[in-house]
Amino acid sequence: MAAYIARRLLLALLSVWVISVLSYAIIQLPEGDMVTAKINGLMQSGVAVNMELADNLRAYYGIDQPLFVRYTKWAWNMLRHGDLGISHHYYCSAAPVERSVKEVIGDRIQLTVALTGFTILVTWSFAIPVGIYSAVRQHSVGDYVFTLLGFTGVAVPDFLLGLVLMYVAFAFFDQSVGGLFSADYLDAPWGWGKAYDLLKHLWIPAVVLGTSGTAGLIRVMRNNLLDELARPYVITARAKGVAAWKVIIKYPVRVAINPLISTIGYLLPSLISGSVIVSVVLSLPTLGPVLLDSIVQQDEFTAGFIVLVLGILTVLGTLISDILLVIVDPRIKFTGR
């Protein structure tokens, strides 16, 4: 196992390097650059701008240099000094001073990780038991009810569900659903009170983000378990008088859960990148809105780093899923062709 993990880590480092090159290059694809967006904002506010000012800004930010030179500086500063660069779009509230990327995404990364982890916990805790029940009680009333809910969850867009929940909460319960904190805890330091307030607000975006994923996982778990329950080893175990719960849980469930574990590779980044619209609708202080604004404003350091984080999560999730598959399914080995 150690040799396998070492080889995968080396491949992961190579993959992360390739992802960093691609992510930085993709941000440069739209026409114009960060200075263009900044100048457009100045012109809309009535400030006269000439080409000399634009050239000076490009020289100041280093945008006039070749792409590979800018990437090399960005990657070197990030690896050696932990310097992620300066965000040209987000400013300090007290004065129009440019902020570092670390400062912009610092708190948002923590909240994004909390929301993503809670969403995965809710999704798996609900999808696996319901999928097992639907397979064991095939064609029962409960199976049909969960099937209807599953197809509904897949069909309804996440942002539309968020809007419906916001309307229901405000119209019938006189409560505001948006955000992750109450007004009293927005700028408060972290403590037990703020953590508890976060938990009170966390379940609504978790339900919105996890609905479609939960519905899909239920269908996958149900169909795979139905295939396994028809295998000869299950029929033989039942004929020998093995307890019903043991026949189902010990072997068929461990095999049927394999596709769910394989989805970890894209589940982690999809909850961040796929929550952009939901985060905007629910006013969530996560990485989604920052990524959207950075791409629109061509803030290359902020957008490039967030895209790189998504790639790292994909590589990390794939490695975790491969290791978990070996632990769960004894038929899978680290060695061999």
Protein backbone atom coordinates (compact mmCIF):
# COMPACT_ATOMS: atom_id res chain seq x y z
CA MET A 1 0.00 0.00 0.00
CA ALA A 2 2.84 2.40 0.83
CA ALA A 3 4.44 1.95 -2.60
CA TYR A 4 1.08 2.44 -4.31
CA ILE A 5 0.35 5.63 -2.36
CA ALA A 6 3.87 6.94 -3.09
CA ARG A 7 3.40 6.38 -6.83
CA ARG A 8 -0.01 8.05 -6.74
CA LEU A 9 1.39 11.03 -4.84
CA LEU A 10 4.07 11.51 -7.49
CA LEU A 11 1.44 11.35 -10.22
CA ALA A 12 -0.71 13.75 -8.17
CA LEU A 13 2.12 16.29 -8.01
CA LEU A 14 2.61 16.04 -11.77
CA SER A 15 -1.15 16.43 -12.31
CA VAL A 16 -1.28 19.47 -10.03
CA TRP A 17 1.55 21.11 -11.99
CA VAL A 18 -0.26 20.52 -15.29
CA ILE A 19 -3.49 21.84 -13.75
CA SER A 20 -1.70 24.97 -12.53
CA VAL A 21 -0.40 25.69 -16.05
CA LEU A 22 -3.81 25.11 -17.61
CA SER A 23 -5.70 27.09 -14.97
CA TYR A 24 -3.42 30.10 -15.33
CA ALA A 25 -3.57 29.92 -19.13
CA ILE A 26 -7.37 29.56 -19.23
CA ILE A 27 -7.83 32.76 -17.22
CA GLN A 28 -5.94 34.63 -19.97
CA LEU A 29 -8.19 33.38 -22.80
CA PRO A 30 -10.90 36.11 -22.68
CA GLU A 31 -10.20 39.21 -24.72
CA GLY A 32 -8.54 42.01 -22.79
CA ASP A 33 -7.02 41.81 -19.34
CA MET A 34 -7.43 43.06 -15.80
CA VAL A 35 -6.33 46.58 -16.79
CA THR A 36 -9.03 46.67 -19.46
CA ALA A 37 -11.69 45.87 -16.86
CA LYS A 38 -10.25 48.45 -14.46
CA ILE A 39 -10.17 51.16 -17.17
CA ASN A 40 -13.74 50.37 -18.19
CA GLY A 41 -14.79 50.91 -14.59
CA LEU A 42 -12.98 54.23 -14.44
CA MET A 43 -14.57 55.40 -17.70
CA GLN A 44 -18.04 54.43 -16.47
CA SER A 45 -17.45 56.53 -13.36
CA GLY A 46 -16.56 59.55 -15.50
CA VAL A 47 -12.76 59.47 -15.15
CA ALA A 48 -10.80 60.37 -18.28
CA VAL A 49 -8.39 57.59 -19.25
CA ASN A 50 -5.67 57.68 -21.90
CA MET A 51 -3.56 54.93 -23.44
CA GLU A 52 -0.47 56.05 -21.52
CA LEU A 53 -2.23 55.34 -18.24
CA ALA A 54 -3.24 51.90 -19.50
CA ASP A 55 0.34 51.10 -20.53
CA ASN A 56 1.66 52.29 -17.18
CA LEU A 57 -0.84 50.09 -15.33
CA ARG A 58 0.14 47.06 -17.42
CA ALA A 59 3.82 47.71 -16.67
CA TYR A 60 3.04 48.19 -12.96
CA TYR A 61 1.15 44.90 -12.69
CA GLY A 62 3.57 43.05 -15.00
CA ILE A 63 0.86 42.25 -17.56
CA ASP A 64 3.08 43.50 -20.38
CA GLN A 65 5.41 40.53 -19.84
CA PRO A 66 5.05 37.20 -21.71
CA LEU A 67 2.61 34.66 -20.32
CA PHE A 68 5.22 32.08 -19.30
CA VAL A 69 7.17 34.74 -17.36
CA ARG A 70 4.07 35.76 -15.40
CA TYR A 71 3.18 32.14 -14.71
CA THR A 72 6.71 31.33 -13.53
CA LYS A 73 6.71 34.26 -11.11
CA TRP A 74 3.25 33.34 -9.83
CA ALA A 75 4.12 29.66 -9.31
CA TRP A 76 7.52 30.44 -7.76
CA ASN A 77 6.13 32.96 -5.30
CA MET A 78 3.33 30.58 -4.38
CA LEU A 79 5.65 27.60 -3.79
CA ARG A 80 8.55 29.38 -2.07
CA HIS A 81 6.89 32.19 -0.16
CA GLY A 82 3.24 31.14 -0.02
CA ASP A 83 2.42 34.38 -1.81
CA LEU A 84 -0.75 33.92 -3.87
CA GLY A 85 -0.54 37.37 -5.42
CA ILE A 86 -2.62 40.53 -5.19
CA SER A 87 -6.34 40.65 -5.92
CA HIS A 88 -6.99 43.56 -8.26
CA HIS A 89 -10.77 43.40 -7.89
CA TYR A 90 -11.40 43.17 -4.15
CA TYR A 91 -10.49 46.14 -2.00
CA CYS A 92 -10.39 46.95 1.67
CA SER A 93 -13.63 48.51 2.89
CA ALA A 94 -11.88 51.41 4.63
CA ALA A 95 -9.82 52.54 1.63
CA PRO A 96 -9.38 51.51 -2.02
CA VAL A 97 -6.27 49.43 -1.23
CA GLU A 98 -5.69 46.19 -3.11
CA ARG A 99 -5.87 43.07 -0.94
CA SER A 100 -3.87 39.86 -1.15
CA VAL A 101 -5.55 36.73 -2.47
CA LYS A 102 -4.97 35.10 0.92
CA GLU A 103 -6.97 37.84 2.60
CA VAL A 104 -9.79 37.63 0.07
CA ILE A 105 -10.30 33.87 0.22
CA GLY A 106 -9.15 33.19 3.80
CA ASP A 107 -12.48 33.09 5.62
CA ARG A 108 -14.33 31.94 2.53
CA ILE A 109 -12.23 28.78 2.25
CA GLN A 110 -13.11 27.83 5.82
CA LEU A 111 -16.82 28.40 5.23
CA THR A 112 -16.68 26.56 1.91
CA VAL A 113 -15.00 23.55 3.53
CA ALA A 114 -17.60 23.58 6.33
CA LEU A 115 -20.48 23.77 3.87
CA THR A 116 -18.99 21.13 1.57
CA GLY A 117 -18.27 18.72 4.43
CA PHE A 118 -21.72 19.15 5.93
CA THR A 119 -23.36 18.68 2.52
CA ILE A 120 -21.42 15.44 1.90
CA LEU A 121 -22.35 14.19 5.38
CA VAL A 122 -26.05 14.92 4.83
CA THR A 123 -25.99 13.47 1.30
CA TRP A 124 -24.35 10.17 2.19
CA SER A 125 -26.20 9.75 5.51
CA PHE A 126 -29.50 9.97 3.65
CA ALA A 127 -28.67 8.37 0.28
CA ILE A 128 -27.13 5.09 1.47
CA PRO A 129 -29.88 3.99 3.93
CA VAL A 130 -32.65 5.06 1.53
CA GLY A 131 -30.97 3.26 -1.37
CA ILE A 132 -30.68 0.07 0.72
CA TYR A 133 -34.31 0.32 1.80
CA SER A 134 -35.54 0.89 -1.77
CA ALA A 135 -33.61 -2.16 -3.00
CA VAL A 136 -34.69 -4.46 -0.18
CA ARG A 137 -38.32 -3.26 -0.33
CA GLN A 138 -38.53 -3.12 -4.10
CA HIS A 139 -41.94 -2.07 -5.51
CA SER A 140 -43.21 -1.13 -2.05
CA VAL A 141 -44.98 2.13 -1.25
CA GLY A 142 -41.81 3.50 0.31
CA ASP A 143 -39.80 2.56 -2.77
CA TYR A 144 -42.21 4.42 -5.04
CA VAL A 145 -42.23 7.46 -2.75
CA PHE A 146 -38.43 7.67 -2.65
CA THR A 147 -38.27 7.10 -6.41
CA LEU A 148 -40.65 10.02 -6.97
CA LEU A 149 -38.63 12.23 -4.62
CA GLY A 150 -35.43 11.13 -6.34
CA PHE A 151 -36.59 12.03 -9.84
CA THR A 152 -37.97 15.31 -8.52
CA GLY A 153 -34.64 16.14 -6.88
CA VAL A 154 -32.75 15.45 -10.10
CA ALA A 155 -35.19 17.48 -12.21
CA VAL A 156 -35.44 20.62 -10.02
CA PRO A 157 -32.44 22.99 -10.38
CA ASP A 158 -30.62 23.81 -7.16
CA PHE A 159 -31.01 27.58 -7.51
CA LEU A 160 -34.78 27.22 -8.09
CA LEU A 161 -35.10 25.10 -4.95
CA GLY A 162 -33.16 27.78 -3.08
CA LEU A 163 -35.53 30.49 -4.30
CA VAL A 164 -38.55 28.40 -3.25
CA LEU A 165 -37.13 27.83 0.23
CA MET A 166 -36.38 31.53 0.59
CA TYR A 167 -39.95 32.41 -0.37
CA VAL A 168 -41.50 29.80 1.93
CA ALA A 169 -39.33 30.81 4.88
CA PHE A 170 -40.08 34.52 4.43
CA ALA A 171 -43.77 34.24 3.51
CA PHE A 172 -44.88 31.64 6.07
CA PHE A 173 -42.27 31.77 8.86
CA ASP A 174 -41.14 35.40 8.57
CA GLN A 175 -37.49 34.36 8.50
CA SER A 176 -34.62 35.26 6.21
CA VAL A 177 -32.83 32.26 4.73
CA GLY A 178 -29.89 33.95 3.00
CA GLY A 179 -26.34 33.90 4.37
CA LEU A 180 -24.58 31.66 6.87
CA PHE A 181 -24.70 33.94 9.91
CA SER A 182 -27.15 36.12 11.73
CA ALA A 183 -26.58 39.87 11.68
CA ASP A 184 -25.13 39.79 15.21
CA TYR A 185 -22.40 37.32 14.23
CA LEU A 186 -21.34 38.62 10.80
CA ASP A 187 -18.25 40.47 12.07
CA ALA A 188 -17.94 38.73 15.43
CA PRO A 189 -14.80 36.72 16.27
CA TRP A 190 -15.00 32.95 16.17
CA GLY A 191 -16.40 31.29 19.28
CA TRP A 192 -19.01 28.78 20.39
CA GLY A 193 -21.81 31.24 19.76
CA LYS A 194 -20.72 31.94 16.17
CA ALA A 195 -20.14 28.22 15.49
CA TYR A 196 -23.63 27.38 16.77
CA ASP A 197 -25.12 30.18 14.66
CA LEU A 198 -23.31 28.74 11.62
CA LEU A 199 -24.78 25.30 12.27
CA LYS A 200 -28.28 26.80 12.50
CA HIS A 201 -27.89 28.37 9.04
CA LEU A 202 -25.87 25.56 7.43
CA TRP A 203 -28.65 23.03 6.88
CA ILE A 204 -30.59 25.09 4.31
CA PRO A 205 -27.76 25.50 1.75
CA ALA A 206 -26.71 21.91 2.48
CA VAL A 207 -30.20 20.69 1.56
CA VAL A 208 -30.24 22.85 -1.57
CA LEU A 209 -26.79 21.74 -2.73
CA GLY A 210 -27.25 18.10 -1.78
CA THR A 211 -30.71 17.47 -3.21
CA SER A 212 -29.72 16.55 -6.76
CA GLY A 213 -26.65 14.63 -5.62
CA THR A 214 -28.63 12.69 -3.03
CA ALA A 215 -31.28 11.76 -5.56
CA GLY A 216 -28.66 10.46 -7.99
CA LEU A 217 -26.82 8.47 -5.31
CA ILE A 218 -30.07 6.86 -4.15
CA ARG A 219 -30.77 5.58 -7.67
CA VAL A 220 -27.21 4.30 -8.09
CA MET A 221 -27.23 2.55 -4.71
CA ARG A 222 -30.65 1.00 -5.33
CA ASN A 223 -29.87 -0.34 -8.81
CA ASN A 224 -26.46 -1.73 -7.86
CA LEU A 225 -27.79 -3.41 -4.73
CA LEU A 226 -30.64 -4.98 -6.70
CA ASP A 227 -28.07 -6.53 -9.06
CA GLU A 228 -26.03 -7.88 -6.14
CA LEU A 229 -29.05 -9.32 -4.30
CA ALA A 230 -29.74 -11.52 -7.33
CA ARG A 231 -26.21 -13.03 -7.29
CA PRO A 232 -25.80 -16.76 -6.50
CA TYR A 233 -23.71 -16.10 -3.36
CA VAL A 234 -26.59 -14.14 -1.82
CA ILE A 235 -29.12 -16.84 -2.67
CA THR A 236 -26.77 -19.49 -1.22
CA ALA A 237 -26.25 -17.51 1.99
CA ARG A 238 -29.99 -17.15 2.45
CA ALA A 239 -30.49 -20.87 1.81
CA LYS A 240 -27.96 -21.67 4.55
CA GLY A 241 -29.95 -19.58 7.03
CA VAL A 242 -27.65 -16.59 7.38
CA ALA A 243 -29.38 -13.66 9.07
CA ALA A 244 -31.12 -11.36 6.59
CA TRP A 245 -29.32 -8.20 7.76
CA LYS A 246 -25.96 -9.94 7.55
CA VAL A 247 -26.63 -11.23 4.05
CA ILE A 248 -27.37 -7.69 2.88
CA ILE A 249 -24.85 -5.60 4.81
CA LYS A 250 -21.74 -7.81 4.87
CA TYR A 251 -21.24 -8.37 1.14
CA PRO A 252 -23.83 -6.91 -1.29
CA VAL A 253 -23.76 -3.43 0.24
CA ARG A 254 -19.95 -3.35 0.24
CA VAL A 255 -19.95 -4.13 -3.47
CA ALA A 256 -22.88 -1.87 -4.37
CA ILE A 257 -21.31 1.12 -2.62
CA ASN A 258 -18.24 1.08 -4.91
CA PRO A 259 -19.70 3.50 -7.50
CA LEU A 260 -20.59 5.94 -4.72
CA ILE A 261 -17.02 5.92 -3.44
CA SER A 262 -15.75 6.44 -6.99
CA THR A 263 -17.71 9.70 -7.20
CA ILE A 264 -15.57 11.36 -4.50
CA GLY A 265 -13.12 12.39 -7.22
CA TYR A 266 -15.55 14.87 -8.75
CA LEU A 267 -17.89 15.33 -5.77
CA LEU A 268 -15.51 17.63 -3.85
CA PRO A 269 -14.85 20.17 -6.64
CA SER A 270 -18.42 20.00 -7.96
CA LEU A 271 -19.84 21.16 -4.63
CA ILE A 272 -17.65 24.28 -4.87
CA SER A 273 -17.82 25.08 -8.57
CA GLY A 274 -21.42 23.92 -8.91
CA SER A 275 -22.58 26.10 -6.03
CA VAL A 276 -21.80 29.41 -7.73
CA ILE A 277 -25.40 30.26 -8.66
CA VAL A 278 -26.74 28.85 -5.38
CA SER A 279 -24.21 30.91 -3.41
CA VAL A 280 -25.23 34.07 -5.26
CA VAL A 281 -28.95 33.36 -4.74
CA LEU A 282 -28.56 32.54 -1.03
CA SER A 283 -25.86 35.21 -0.42
CA LEU A 284 -23.37 32.64 0.85
CA PRO A 285 -19.83 33.87 1.69
CA THR A 286 -18.14 30.98 -0.11
CA LEU A 287 -15.63 30.68 -2.96
CA GLY A 288 -18.32 30.45 -5.66
CA PRO A 289 -19.19 34.17 -5.94
CA VAL A 290 -15.50 35.11 -5.64
CA LEU A 291 -14.66 32.80 -8.56
CA LEU A 292 -17.46 34.29 -10.68
CA ASP A 293 -16.47 37.91 -9.98
CA SER A 294 -12.77 37.17 -10.51
CA ILE A 295 -13.38 35.59 -13.90
CA VAL A 296 -15.64 38.44 -15.01
CA GLN A 297 -13.10 41.05 -13.87
CA GLN A 298 -10.16 38.92 -15.13
CA ASP A 299 -8.51 38.97 -11.73
CA GLU A 300 -5.94 36.39 -12.79
CA PHE A 301 -4.36 35.65 -9.41
CA THR A 302 -7.63 35.09 -7.55
CA ALA A 303 -9.38 33.17 -10.32
CA GLY A 304 -6.27 31.15 -11.18
CA PHE A 305 -5.76 30.03 -7.59
CA ILE A 306 -9.40 29.02 -7.10
CA VAL A 307 -9.36 27.00 -10.34
CA LEU A 308 -6.13 25.40 -9.13
CA VAL A 309 -7.82 24.50 -5.83
CA LEU A 310 -10.63 22.81 -7.77
CA GLY A 311 -8.07 20.76 -9.67
CA ILE A 312 -6.24 19.80 -6.45
CA LEU A 313 -9.54 18.70 -4.91
CA THR A 314 -10.18 16.50 -7.95
CA VAL A 315 -6.77 14.83 -7.65
CA LEU A 316 -7.12 14.46 -3.88
CA GLY A 317 -10.65 13.09 -4.15
CA THR A 318 -9.56 10.53 -6.74
CA LEU A 319 -6.72 9.34 -4.48
CA ILE A 320 -9.07 9.07 -1.50
CA SER A 321 -11.63 7.12 -3.52
CA ASP A 322 -8.98 4.67 -4.77
CA ILE A 323 -7.77 3.96 -1.23
CA LEU A 324 -11.31 3.60 0.14
CA LEU A 325 -12.23 1.18 -2.66
CA VAL A 326 -9.44 -1.18 -1.60
CA ILE A 327 -10.53 -0.97 2.04
CA VAL A 328 -14.22 -1.58 1.28
CA ASP A 329 -13.90 -4.20 -1.48
CA PRO A 330 -11.39 -7.01 -0.77
CA ARG A 331 -11.43 -8.04 -4.43
CA ILE A 332 -9.55 -4.87 -5.39
CA LYS A 333 -5.79 -4.99 -4.93
CA PHE A 334 -3.09 -2.35 -5.16
CA THR A 335 -0.82 -4.60 -7.21
CA GLY A 336 -1.35 -6.30 -10.53
CA ARG A 337 -1.97 -5.20 -14.08
